Amino acid sequence: MIPLGAVEFTPADIALLLAILTFGSIILALPATLTLAWVGYRRGTLRKAANALGYWLGGTALSVATTAVAGAHVGWFAVPIGWIPTLLLAVALNPRPTPNAS
C-alpha cells in the first residue's frame, strides 16, 4: 500500500538518521583529515599521538562544517570541496626540513 499522508518519524528514527549522517560525513572526510593528522604527528614533540588526534579532530570539524555549508548549493560535489580547507591547512602547517640540519 502506498502511504498518501505525511511521513512521520519517531525520535528513534531521527536519532538513527543523524547518527548515519554524522558517521558518513566523518568517513567521507578521512582523505583530508588523515593528511592533517599526519602533519600533526610530524609537528608533535612530546606526545605525538595526542597531537595527531587533536589535529584530526580539528580537521574533521573543519571538513564536515565546510561540506555542510557547501552541500546546500552543490550537492555531492560538496564532499571534495569540504576537503579543500583541511588540505590547505595541512600544506600550511607541514613542517619543512631545515637545510642545515644534520
C-alpha atoms as a PDB file:
ATOM      1  CA  MET A   1       0.000   0.000   0.000  1.00  0.00           C
ATOM      2  CA  ILE A   2       1.273   3.486  -0.838  1.00  0.00           C
ATOM      3  CA  PRO A   3       1.070   5.950   2.046  1.00  0.00           C
ATOM      4  CA  LEU A   4      -0.657   9.141   0.973  1.00  0.00           C
ATOM      5  CA  GLY A   5      -0.175  11.179   4.115  1.00  0.00           C
ATOM      6  CA  ALA A   6       2.790  12.940   5.648  1.00  0.00           C
ATOM      7  CA  VAL A   7       5.747  10.822   6.680  1.00  0.00           C
ATOM      8  CA  GLU A   8       6.237  10.848  10.429  1.00  0.00           C
ATOM      9  CA  PHE A   9       9.499   9.883  12.099  1.00  0.00           C
ATOM     10  CA  THR A  10       9.813   8.768  15.688  1.00  0.00           C
ATOM     11  CA  PRO A  11      12.587  10.278  17.815  1.00  0.00           C
ATOM     12  CA  ALA A  12      14.490   6.991  17.478  1.00  0.00           C
ATOM     13  CA  ASP A  13      14.293   7.223  13.670  1.00  0.00           C
ATOM     14  CA  ILE A  14      15.594  10.789  13.739  1.00  0.00           C
ATOM     15  CA  ALA A  15      18.452   9.811  16.051  1.00  0.00           C
ATOM     16  CA  LEU A  16      19.382   6.927  13.749  1.00  0.00           C
ATOM     17  CA  LEU A  17      19.340   9.163  10.664  1.00  0.00           C
ATOM     18  CA  LEU A  18      21.510  11.765  12.393  1.00  0.00           C
ATOM     19  CA  ALA A  19      23.960   9.096  13.526  1.00  0.00           C
ATOM     20  CA  ILE A  20      24.248   7.721   9.989  1.00  0.00           C
ATOM     21  CA  LEU A  21      24.766  11.190   8.528  1.00  0.00           C
ATOM     22  CA  THR A  22      27.402  12.058  11.142  1.00  0.00           C
ATOM     23  CA  PHE A  23      29.290   8.797  10.711  1.00  0.00           C
ATOM     24  CA  GLY A  24      29.113   9.061   6.930  1.00  0.00           C
ATOM     25  CA  SER A  25      30.439  12.612   6.901  1.00  0.00           C
ATOM     26  CA  ILE A  26      33.360  11.610   9.121  1.00  0.00           C
ATOM     27  CA  ILE A  27      34.182   8.676   6.826  1.00  0.00           C
ATOM     28  CA  LEU A  28      33.976  10.868   3.713  1.00  0.00           C
ATOM     29  CA  ALA A  29      36.306  13.431   5.320  1.00  0.00           C
ATOM     30  CA  LEU A  30      39.066  10.871   6.028  1.00  0.00           C
ATOM     31  CA  PRO A  31      41.267  11.615   2.989  1.00  0.00           C
ATOM     32  CA  ALA A  32      41.771  15.184   4.159  1.00  0.00           C
ATOM     33  CA  THR A  33      41.702  14.648   7.915  1.00  0.00           C
ATOM     34  CA  LEU A  34      44.220  11.810   7.927  1.00  0.00           C
ATOM     35  CA  THR A  35      46.596  14.059   5.993  1.00  0.00           C
ATOM     36  CA  LEU A  36      46.215  16.743   8.651  1.00  0.00           C
ATOM     37  CA  ALA A  37      46.670  14.136  11.410  1.00  0.00           C
ATOM     38  CA  TRP A  38      49.963  13.065   9.806  1.00  0.00           C
ATOM     39  CA  VAL A  39      51.108  16.693   9.820  1.00  0.00           C
ATOM     40  CA  GLY A  40      50.119  16.920  13.491  1.00  0.00           C
ATOM     41  CA  TYR A  41      52.133  13.789  14.242  1.00  0.00           C
ATOM     42  CA  ARG A  42      55.172  15.228  12.496  1.00  0.00           C
ATOM     43  CA  ARG A  43      54.820  18.558  14.319  1.00  0.00           C
ATOM     44  CA  GLY A  44      54.445  16.943  17.737  1.00  0.00           C
ATOM     45  CA  THR A  45      57.382  16.961  20.096  1.00  0.00           C
ATOM     46  CA  LEU A  46      56.336  15.443  23.412  1.00  0.00           C
ATOM     47  CA  ARG A  47      53.140  13.460  22.745  1.00  0.00           C
ATOM     48  CA  LYS A  48      52.969  12.853  19.014  1.00  0.00           C
ATOM     49  CA  ALA A  49      49.856  10.646  19.075  1.00  0.00           C
ATOM     50  CA  ALA A  50      47.869  13.136  21.151  1.00  0.00           C
ATOM     51  CA  ASN A  51      48.940  15.931  18.829  1.00  0.00           C
ATOM     52  CA  ALA A  52      47.857  13.894  15.793  1.00  0.00           C
ATOM     53  CA  LEU A  53      44.482  13.175  17.417  1.00  0.00           C
ATOM     54  CA  GLY A  54      43.936  16.873  18.095  1.00  0.00           C
ATOM     55  CA  TYR A  55      44.789  17.781  14.503  1.00  0.00           C
ATOM     56  CA  TRP A  56      42.479  15.014  13.251  1.00  0.00           C
ATOM     57  CA  LEU A  57      39.564  16.233  15.386  1.00  0.00           C
ATOM     58  CA  GLY A  58      40.074  19.831  14.282  1.00  0.00           C
ATOM     59  CA  GLY A  59      40.382  18.803  10.645  1.00  0.00           C
ATOM     60  CA  THR A  60      37.249  16.675  10.893  1.00  0.00           C
ATOM     61  CA  ALA A  61      35.259  19.571  12.339  1.00  0.00           C
ATOM     62  CA  LEU A  62      36.519  21.928   9.629  1.00  0.00           C
ATOM     63  CA  SER A  63      35.865  19.478   6.801  1.00  0.00           C
ATOM     64  CA  VAL A  64      32.387  18.465   7.999  1.00  0.00           C
ATOM     65  CA  ALA A  65      31.372  22.108   8.521  1.00  0.00           C
ATOM     66  CA  THR A  66      32.600  23.111   5.063  1.00  0.00           C
ATOM     67  CA  THR A  67      30.818  20.158   3.482  1.00  0.00           C
ATOM     68  CA  ALA A  68      27.585  21.036   5.293  1.00  0.00           C
ATOM     69  CA  VAL A  69      27.730  24.666   4.145  1.00  0.00           C
ATOM     70  CA  ALA A  70      28.588  23.779   0.547  1.00  0.00           C
ATOM     71  CA  GLY A  71      26.156  20.864   0.415  1.00  0.00           C
ATOM     72  CA  ALA A  72      23.117  23.068   0.130  1.00  0.00           C
ATOM     73  CA  HIS A  73      24.451  24.575  -3.090  1.00  0.00           C
ATOM     74  CA  VAL A  74      26.445  21.948  -4.992  1.00  0.00           C
ATOM     75  CA  GLY A  75      25.139  18.560  -3.837  1.00  0.00           C
ATOM     76  CA  TRP A  76      27.663  15.696  -3.836  1.00  0.00           C
ATOM     77  CA  PHE A  77      30.431  17.998  -5.074  1.00  0.00           C
ATOM     78  CA  ALA A  78      30.426  19.362  -1.520  1.00  0.00           C
ATOM     79  CA  VAL A  79      32.467  16.361  -0.345  1.00  0.00           C
ATOM     80  CA  PRO A  80      35.688  17.217  -2.222  1.00  0.00           C
ATOM     81  CA  ILE A  81      35.018  20.925  -1.662  1.00  0.00           C
ATOM     82  CA  GLY A  82      34.954  20.166   2.073  1.00  0.00           C
ATOM     83  CA  TRP A  83      38.467  18.726   1.786  1.00  0.00           C
ATOM     84  CA  ILE A  84      39.962  21.949   0.404  1.00  0.00           C
ATOM     85  CA  PRO A  85      40.300  23.980   3.653  1.00  0.00           C
ATOM     86  CA  THR A  86      41.640  20.981   5.571  1.00  0.00           C
ATOM     87  CA  LEU A  87      44.212  20.127   2.898  1.00  0.00           C
ATOM     88  CA  LEU A  88      45.283  23.779   2.626  1.00  0.00           C
ATOM     89  CA  LEU A  89      45.756  23.842   6.390  1.00  0.00           C
ATOM     90  CA  ALA A  90      47.843  20.659   6.171  1.00  0.00           C
ATOM     91  CA  VAL A  91      50.057  22.236   3.498  1.00  0.00           C
ATOM     92  CA  ALA A  92      50.463  25.425   5.530  1.00  0.00           C
ATOM     93  CA  LEU A  93      51.319  23.579   8.763  1.00  0.00           C
ATOM     94  CA  ASN A  94      53.539  20.903   7.202  1.00  0.00           C
ATOM     95  CA  PRO A  95      56.977  21.174   8.846  1.00  0.00           C
ATOM     96  CA  ARG A  96      59.730  21.937   6.362  1.00  0.00           C
ATOM     97  CA  PRO A  97      63.109  20.235   6.707  1.00  0.00           C
ATOM     98  CA  THR A  98      65.818  22.658   7.691  1.00  0.00           C
ATOM     99  CA  PRO A  99      68.614  22.754   5.112  1.00  0.00           C
ATOM    100  CA  ASN A 100      71.420  22.952   7.706  1.00  0.00           C
ATOM    101  CA  ALA A 101      70.163  20.170   9.972  1.00  0.00           C
ATOM    102  CA  SER A 102      72.417  17.191  10.368  1.00  0.00           C
END
